Amino acid sequence: MSRKLGLKEFMHNQEVLRFYRQVLRDIRKAPVDQQAELLSYVKHEFRSSAPTLDANKYLMSNGKQQYSIMKRALGIS
């Protein structure tokens, strides 16, 4: 049986999910020859950082910074 999430955990999970979906949408805007590699990288990063909430909060912040850099590098608005 899965444990119930507290409000903060639930809200954080929703924020992570929204961010993940936004990244996936923007990957579709990247050059076609780079999409598969970007998708693989993003999936790996999200799955590997899923287990812990505290680390996840830090990684979420760090991920947003990396995402912003990636968008600028690919010319995605």
PDB file of N, CA and C in Angstrom:
ATOM      1  N   MET A   1       0.842  -1.186   0.000  1.00  0.00           N
ATOM      2  CA  MET A   1       0.000   0.000   0.000  1.00  0.00           C
ATOM      3  C   MET A   1       0.885   1.246   0.000  1.00  0.00           C
ATOM      4  N   SER A   2       0.554   2.213  -0.819  1.00  0.00           N
ATOM      5  CA  SER A   2       1.362   3.429  -0.880  1.00  0.00           C
ATOM      6  C   SER A   2       0.996   4.363   0.265  1.00  0.00           C
ATOM      7  N   ARG A   3       1.996   5.119   0.703  1.00  0.00           N
ATOM      8  CA  ARG A   3       1.725   6.044   1.801  1.00  0.00           C
ATOM      9  C   ARG A   3       1.095   7.312   1.255  1.00  0.00           C
ATOM     10  N   LYS A   4       0.324   7.981   2.091  1.00  0.00           N
ATOM     11  CA  LYS A   4      -0.332   9.214   1.673  1.00  0.00           C
ATOM     12  C   LYS A   4       0.662  10.368   1.743  1.00  0.00           C
ATOM     13  N   LEU A   5       0.580  11.246   0.778  1.00  0.00           N
ATOM     14  CA  LEU A   5       1.458  12.405   0.737  1.00  0.00           C
ATOM     15  C   LEU A   5       0.892  13.532   1.581  1.00  0.00           C
ATOM     16  N   GLY A   6       1.786  14.267   2.233  1.00  0.00           N
ATOM     17  CA  GLY A   6       1.382  15.482   2.911  1.00  0.00           C
ATOM     18  C   GLY A   6       1.123  16.565   1.876  1.00  0.00           C
ATOM     19  N   LEU A   7       0.561  17.666   2.309  1.00  0.00           N
ATOM     20  CA  LEU A   7       0.226  18.749   1.385  1.00  0.00           C
ATOM     21  C   LEU A   7       1.464  19.285   0.669  1.00  0.00           C
ATOM     22  N   LYS A   8       2.556  19.507   1.414  1.00  0.00           N
ATOM     23  CA  LYS A   8       3.774  20.042   0.795  1.00  0.00           C
ATOM     24  C   LYS A   8       4.332  19.074  -0.243  1.00  0.00           C
ATOM     25  N   GLU A   9       4.340  17.790   0.080  1.00  0.00           N
ATOM     26  CA  GLU A   9       4.837  16.789  -0.867  1.00  0.00           C
ATOM     27  C   GLU A   9       3.957  16.739  -2.109  1.00  0.00           C
ATOM     28  N   PHE A  10       2.656  16.779  -1.903  1.00  0.00           N
ATOM     29  CA  PHE A  10       1.719  16.754  -3.021  1.00  0.00           C
ATOM     30  C   PHE A  10       1.931  17.962  -3.934  1.00  0.00           C
ATOM     31  N   MET A  11       2.045  19.138  -3.329  1.00  0.00           N
ATOM     32  CA  MET A  11       2.227  20.352  -4.117  1.00  0.00           C
ATOM     33  C   MET A  11       3.564  20.331  -4.851  1.00  0.00           C
ATOM     34  N   HIS A  12       4.594  19.831  -4.187  1.00  0.00           N
ATOM     35  CA  HIS A  12       5.898  19.730  -4.836  1.00  0.00           C
ATOM     36  C   HIS A  12       5.832  18.759  -6.011  1.00  0.00           C
ATOM     37  N   ASN A  13       5.180  17.631  -5.817  1.00  0.00           N
ATOM     38  CA  ASN A  13       5.042  16.655  -6.905  1.00  0.00           C
ATOM     39  C   ASN A  13       4.303  17.256  -8.095  1.00  0.00           C
ATOM     40  N   GLN A  14       3.292  18.064  -7.830  1.00  0.00           N
ATOM     41  CA  GLN A  14       2.552  18.718  -8.907  1.00  0.00           C
ATOM     42  C   GLN A  14       3.444  19.708  -9.654  1.00  0.00           C
ATOM     43  N   GLU A  15       4.290  20.436  -8.903  1.00  0.00           N
ATOM     44  CA  GLU A  15       5.213  21.377  -9.539  1.00  0.00           C
ATOM     45  C   GLU A  15       6.212  20.636 -10.427  1.00  0.00           C
ATOM     46  N   VAL A  16       6.729  19.526  -9.925  1.00  0.00           N
ATOM     47  CA  VAL A  16       7.674  18.722 -10.704  1.00  0.00           C
ATOM     48  C   VAL A  16       7.003  18.203 -11.972  1.00  0.00           C
ATOM     49  N   LEU A  17       5.790  17.706 -11.847  1.00  0.00           N
ATOM     50  CA  LEU A  17       5.063  17.179 -12.998  1.00  0.00           C
ATOM     51  C   LEU A  17       4.800  18.268 -14.046  1.00  0.00           C
ATOM     52  N   ARG A  18       4.403  19.457 -13.596  1.00  0.00           N
ATOM     53  CA  ARG A  18       4.186  20.578 -14.529  1.00  0.00           C
ATOM     54  C   ARG A  18       5.483  20.923 -15.262  1.00  0.00           C
ATOM     55  N   PHE A  19       6.585  20.970 -14.507  1.00  0.00           N
ATOM     56  CA  PHE A  19       7.880  21.294 -15.100  1.00  0.00           C
ATOM     57  C   PHE A  19       8.285  20.223 -16.105  1.00  0.00           C
ATOM     58  N   TYR A  20       8.109  18.954 -15.749  1.00  0.00           N
ATOM     59  CA  TYR A  20       8.455  17.836 -16.633  1.00  0.00           C
ATOM     60  C   TYR A  20       7.670  17.932 -17.943  1.00  0.00           C
ATOM     61  N   ARG A  21       6.387  18.196 -17.845  1.00  0.00           N
ATOM     62  CA  ARG A  21       5.555  18.315 -19.045  1.00  0.00           C
ATOM     63  C   ARG A  21       5.992  19.488 -19.921  1.00  0.00           C
ATOM     64  N   GLN A  22       6.353  20.606 -19.273  1.00  0.00           N
ATOM     65  CA  GLN A  22       6.819  21.767 -20.034  1.00  0.00           C
ATOM     66  C   GLN A  22       8.111  21.442 -20.771  1.00  0.00           C
ATOM     67  N   VAL A  23       9.022  20.754 -20.111  1.00  0.00           N
ATOM     68  CA  VAL A  23      10.281  20.368 -20.750  1.00  0.00           C
ATOM     69  C   VAL A  23       9.997  19.461 -21.945  1.00  0.00           C
ATOM     70  N   LEU A  24       9.106  18.482 -21.774  1.00  0.00           N
ATOM     71  CA  LEU A  24       8.776  17.581 -22.881  1.00  0.00           C
ATOM     72  C   LEU A  24       8.162  18.333 -24.062  1.00  0.00           C
ATOM     73  N   ARG A  25       7.300  19.307 -23.776  1.00  0.00           N
ATOM     74  CA  ARG A  25       6.708  20.106 -24.861  1.00  0.00           C
ATOM     75  C   ARG A  25       7.788  20.888 -25.609  1.00  0.00           C
ATOM     76  N   ASP A  26       8.718  21.448 -24.856  1.00  0.00           N
ATOM     77  CA  ASP A  26       9.763  22.245 -25.499  1.00  0.00           C
ATOM     78  C   ASP A  26      10.770  21.385 -26.250  1.00  0.00           C
ATOM     79  N   ILE A  27      10.942  20.144 -25.846  1.00  0.00           N
ATOM     80  CA  ILE A  27      11.834  19.253 -26.592  1.00  0.00           C
ATOM     81  C   ILE A  27      11.316  19.085 -28.015  1.00  0.00           C
ATOM     82  N   ARG A  28      10.001  19.098 -28.190  1.00  0.00           N
ATOM     83  CA  ARG A  28       9.423  18.979 -29.533  1.00  0.00           C
ATOM     84  C   ARG A  28       9.765  20.178 -30.415  1.00  0.00           C
ATOM     85  N   LYS A  29      10.162  21.289 -29.803  1.00  0.00           N
ATOM     86  CA  LYS A  29      10.544  22.480 -30.561  1.00  0.00           C
ATOM     87  C   LYS A  29      12.022  22.451 -30.955  1.00  0.00           C
ATOM     88  N   ALA A  30      12.787  21.560 -30.347  1.00  0.00           N
ATOM     89  CA  ALA A  30      14.221  21.458 -30.633  1.00  0.00           C
ATOM     90  C   ALA A  30      14.428  20.847 -32.014  1.00  0.00           C
ATOM     91  N   PRO A  31      15.619  21.012 -32.577  1.00  0.00           N
ATOM     92  CA  PRO A  31      15.904  20.363 -33.859  1.00  0.00           C
ATOM     93  C   PRO A  31      15.660  18.852 -33.774  1.00  0.00           C
ATOM     94  N   VAL A  32      15.068  18.298 -34.819  1.00  0.00           N
ATOM     95  CA  VAL A  32      14.657  16.890 -34.834  1.00  0.00           C
ATOM     96  C   VAL A  32      15.814  15.951 -34.507  1.00  0.00           C
ATOM     97  N   ASP A  33      16.999  16.258 -35.002  1.00  0.00           N
ATOM     98  CA  ASP A  33      18.137  15.363 -34.768  1.00  0.00           C
ATOM     99  C   ASP A  33      18.618  15.370 -33.317  1.00  0.00           C
ATOM    100  N   GLN A  34      18.145  16.309 -32.494  1.00  0.00           N
ATOM    101  CA  GLN A  34      18.542  16.379 -31.087  1.00  0.00           C
ATOM    102  C   GLN A  34      17.447  15.922 -30.133  1.00  0.00           C
ATOM    103  N   GLN A  35      16.241  15.737 -30.626  1.00  0.00           N
ATOM    104  CA  GLN A  35      15.106  15.434 -29.762  1.00  0.00           C
ATOM    105  C   GLN A  35      15.263  14.129 -28.992  1.00  0.00           C
ATOM    106  N   ALA A  36      15.688  13.063 -29.643  1.00  0.00           N
ATOM    107  CA  ALA A  36      15.802  11.760 -28.978  1.00  0.00           C
ATOM    108  C   ALA A  36      16.819  11.815 -27.842  1.00  0.00           C
ATOM    109  N   GLU A  37      17.942  12.460 -28.086  1.00  0.00           N
ATOM    110  CA  GLU A  37      18.973  12.562 -27.053  1.00  0.00           C
ATOM    111  C   GLU A  37      18.489  13.407 -25.873  1.00  0.00           C
ATOM    112  N   LEU A  38      17.827  14.520 -26.165  1.00  0.00           N
ATOM    113  CA  LEU A  38      17.287  15.367 -25.106  1.00  0.00           C
ATOM    114  C   LEU A  38      16.238  14.624 -24.291  1.00  0.00           C
ATOM    115  N   LEU A  39      15.357  13.916 -24.962  1.00  0.00           N
ATOM    116  CA  LEU A  39      14.310  13.166 -24.280  1.00  0.00           C
ATOM    117  C   LEU A  39      14.905  12.104 -23.362  1.00  0.00           C
ATOM    118  N   SER A  40      15.882  11.386 -23.850  1.00  0.00           N
ATOM    119  CA  SER A  40      16.542  10.360 -23.049  1.00  0.00           C
ATOM    120  C   SER A  40      17.197  10.967 -21.816  1.00  0.00           C
ATOM    121  N   TYR A  41      17.885  12.081 -22.002  1.00  0.00           N
ATOM    122  CA  TYR A  41      18.567  12.752 -20.893  1.00  0.00           C
ATOM    123  C   TYR A  41      17.569  13.230 -19.841  1.00  0.00           C
ATOM    124  N   VAL A  42      16.500  13.879 -20.286  1.00  0.00           N
ATOM    125  CA  VAL A  42      15.499  14.413 -19.361  1.00  0.00           C
ATOM    126  C   VAL A  42      14.832  13.292 -18.573  1.00  0.00           C
ATOM    127  N   LYS A  43      14.429  12.226 -19.239  1.00  0.00           N
ATOM    128  CA  LYS A  43      13.796  11.099 -18.546  1.00  0.00           C
ATOM    129  C   LYS A  43      14.729  10.513 -17.501  1.00  0.00           C
ATOM    130  N   HIS A  44      15.993  10.336 -17.871  1.00  0.00           N
ATOM    131  CA  HIS A  44      16.966   9.771 -16.932  1.00  0.00           C
ATOM    132  C   HIS A  44      17.126  10.672 -15.706  1.00  0.00           C
ATOM    133  N   GLU A  45      17.257  11.967 -15.923  1.00  0.00           N
ATOM    134  CA  GLU A  45      17.459  12.901 -14.813  1.00  0.00           C
ATOM    135  C   GLU A  45      16.254  12.930 -13.875  1.00  0.00           C
ATOM    136  N   PHE A  46      15.059  12.948 -14.423  1.00  0.00           N
ATOM    137  CA  PHE A  46      13.872  12.980 -13.571  1.00  0.00           C
ATOM    138  C   PHE A  46      13.712  11.676 -12.797  1.00  0.00           C
ATOM    139  N   ARG A  47      13.928  10.552 -13.445  1.00  0.00           N
ATOM    140  CA  ARG A  47      13.764   9.263 -12.763  1.00  0.00           C
ATOM    141  C   ARG A  47      14.820   9.038 -11.696  1.00  0.00           C
ATOM    142  N   SER A  48      16.036   9.466 -11.943  1.00  0.00           N
ATOM    143  CA  SER A  48      17.109   9.221 -10.975  1.00  0.00           C
ATOM    144  C   SER A  48      16.984  10.106  -9.742  1.00  0.00           C
ATOM    145  N   SER A  49      16.283  11.225  -9.853  1.00  0.00           N
ATOM    146  CA  SER A  49      16.170  12.127  -8.711  1.00  0.00           C
ATOM    147  C   SER A  49      14.818  12.042  -8.008  1.00  0.00           C
ATOM    148  N   ALA A  50      13.994  11.104  -8.372  1.00  0.00           N
ATOM    149  CA  ALA A  50      12.637  11.012  -7.827  1.00  0.00           C
ATOM    150  C   ALA A  50      12.534  10.600  -6.358  1.00  0.00           C
ATOM    151  N   PRO A  51      13.391   9.725  -5.817  1.00  0.00           N
ATOM    152  CA  PRO A  51      13.121   9.144  -4.503  1.00  0.00           C
ATOM    153  C   PRO A  51      13.072  10.074  -3.291  1.00  0.00           C
ATOM    154  N   THR A  52      13.846  11.141  -3.235  1.00  0.00           N
ATOM    155  CA  THR A  52      13.898  11.932  -2.009  1.00  0.00           C
ATOM    156  C   THR A  52      13.363  13.337  -2.218  1.00  0.00           C
ATOM    157  N   LEU A  53      12.580  13.814  -1.271  1.00  0.00           N
ATOM    158  CA  LEU A  53      11.937  15.122  -1.385  1.00  0.00           C
ATOM    159  C   LEU A  53      12.938  16.264  -1.256  1.00  0.00           C
ATOM    160  N   ASP A  54      13.812  16.236  -0.245  1.00  0.00           N
ATOM    161  CA  ASP A  54      14.757  17.336  -0.046  1.00  0.00           C
ATOM    162  C   ASP A  54      15.699  17.478  -1.233  1.00  0.00           C
ATOM    163  N   ALA A  55      16.259  16.366  -1.663  1.00  0.00           N
ATOM    164  CA  ALA A  55      17.146  16.410  -2.824  1.00  0.00           C
ATOM    165  C   ALA A  55      16.360  16.841  -4.054  1.00  0.00           C
ATOM    166  N   ASN A  56      15.128  16.405  -4.127  1.00  0.00           N
ATOM    167  CA  ASN A  56      14.282  16.734  -5.269  1.00  0.00           C
ATOM    168  C   ASN A  56      14.031  18.239  -5.357  1.00  0.00           C
ATOM    169  N   LYS A  57      13.866  18.904  -4.215  1.00  0.00           N
ATOM    170  CA  LYS A  57      13.653  20.353  -4.223  1.00  0.00           C
ATOM    171  C   LYS A  57      14.876  21.069  -4.782  1.00  0.00           C
ATOM    172  N   TYR A  58      16.045  20.649  -4.354  1.00  0.00           N
ATOM    173  CA  TYR A  58      17.284  21.242  -4.867  1.00  0.00           C
ATOM    174  C   TYR A  58      17.415  20.964  -6.359  1.00  0.00           C
ATOM    175  N   LEU A  59      17.175  19.719  -6.741  1.00  0.00           N
ATOM    176  CA  LEU A  59      17.318  19.335  -8.140  1.00  0.00           C
ATOM    177  C   LEU A  59      16.310  20.058  -9.026  1.00  0.00           C
ATOM    178  N   MET A  60      15.146  20.329  -8.486  1.00  0.00           N
ATOM    179  CA  MET A  60      14.131  21.065  -9.243  1.00  0.00           C
ATOM    180  C   MET A  60      14.648  22.466  -9.562  1.00  0.00           C
ATOM    181  N   SER A  61      15.216  23.118  -8.572  1.00  0.00           N
ATOM    182  CA  SER A  61      15.772  24.449  -8.776  1.00  0.00           C
ATOM    183  C   SER A  61      16.919  24.405  -9.781  1.00  0.00           C
ATOM    184  N   ASN A  62      17.804  23.452  -9.604  1.00  0.00           N
ATOM    185  CA  ASN A  62      18.944  23.280 -10.503  1.00  0.00           C
ATOM    186  C   ASN A  62      18.463  22.929 -11.915  1.00  0.00           C
ATOM    187  N   GLY A  63      17.460  22.086 -12.001  1.00  0.00           N
ATOM    188  CA  GLY A  63      16.913  21.683 -13.296  1.00  0.00           C
ATOM    189  C   GLY A  63      16.318  22.853 -14.054  1.00  0.00           C
ATOM    190  N   LYS A  64      15.651  23.751 -13.344  1.00  0.00           N
ATOM    191  CA  LYS A  64      15.075  24.925 -14.002  1.00  0.00           C
ATOM    192  C   LYS A  64      16.175  25.808 -14.584  1.00  0.00           C
ATOM    193  N   GLN A  65      17.284  25.918 -13.865  1.00  0.00           N
ATOM    194  CA  GLN A  65      18.406  26.711 -14.381  1.00  0.00           C
ATOM    195  C   GLN A  65      18.987  26.060 -15.632  1.00  0.00           C
ATOM    196  N   GLN A  66      19.194  24.747 -15.585  1.00  0.00           N
ATOM    197  CA  GLN A  66      19.740  24.033 -16.741  1.00  0.00           C
ATOM    198  C   GLN A  66      18.786  24.110 -17.933  1.00  0.00           C
ATOM    199  N   TYR A  67      17.508  24.016 -17.649  1.00  0.00           N
ATOM    200  CA  TYR A  67      16.478  24.093 -18.687  1.00  0.00           C
ATOM    201  C   TYR A  67      16.522  25.451 -19.383  1.00  0.00           C
ATOM    202  N   SER A  68      16.660  26.505 -18.606  1.00  0.00           N
ATOM    203  CA  SER A  68      16.747  27.849 -19.165  1.00  0.00           C
ATOM    204  C   SER A  68      17.968  27.985 -20.073  1.00  0.00           C
ATOM    205  N   ILE A  69      19.083  27.437 -19.645  1.00  0.00           N
ATOM    206  CA  ILE A  69      20.308  27.468 -20.450  1.00  0.00           C
ATOM    207  C   ILE A  69      20.107  26.683 -21.745  1.00  0.00           C
ATOM    208  N   MET A  70      19.476  25.503 -21.640  1.00  0.00           N
ATOM    209  CA  MET A  70      19.236  24.668 -22.818  1.00  0.00           C
ATOM    210  C   MET A  70      18.344  25.395 -23.825  1.00  0.00           C
ATOM    211  N   LYS A  71      17.288  26.047 -23.333  1.00  0.00           N
ATOM    212  CA  LYS A  71      16.384  26.758 -24.230  1.00  0.00           C
ATOM    213  C   LYS A  71      17.111  27.870 -24.974  1.00  0.00           C
ATOM    214  N   ARG A  72      17.963  28.600 -24.257  1.00  0.00           N
ATOM    215  CA  ARG A  72      18.724  29.672 -24.919  1.00  0.00           C
ATOM    216  C   ARG A  72      19.669  29.091 -25.963  1.00  0.00           C
ATOM    217  N   ALA A  73      20.318  27.976 -25.634  1.00  0.00           N
ATOM    218  CA  ALA A  73      21.277  27.361 -26.556  1.00  0.00           C
ATOM    219  C   ALA A  73      20.591  26.851 -27.826  1.00  0.00           C
ATOM    220  N   LEU A  74      19.364  26.349 -27.684  1.00  0.00           N
ATOM    221  CA  LEU A  74      18.641  25.807 -28.835  1.00  0.00           C
ATOM    222  C   LEU A  74      17.793  26.855 -29.549  1.00  0.00           C
ATOM    223  N   GLY A  75      17.715  28.042 -28.974  1.00  0.00           N
ATOM    224  CA  GLY A  75      16.922  29.099 -29.588  1.00  0.00           C
ATOM    225  C   GLY A  75      15.433  28.876 -29.455  1.00  0.00           C
ATOM    226  N   ILE A  76      15.022  28.206 -28.372  1.00  0.00           N
ATOM    227  CA  ILE A  76      13.603  27.931 -28.120  1.00  0.00           C
ATOM    228  C   ILE A  76      13.068  29.029 -27.211  1.00  0.00           C
ATOM    229  N   SER A  77      11.928  29.590 -27.577  1.00  0.00           N
ATOM    230  CA  SER A  77      11.359  30.643 -26.734  1.00  0.00           C
ATOM    231  C   SER A  77      10.311  30.118 -25.804  1.00  0.00           C
TER     232      SER A  77
END
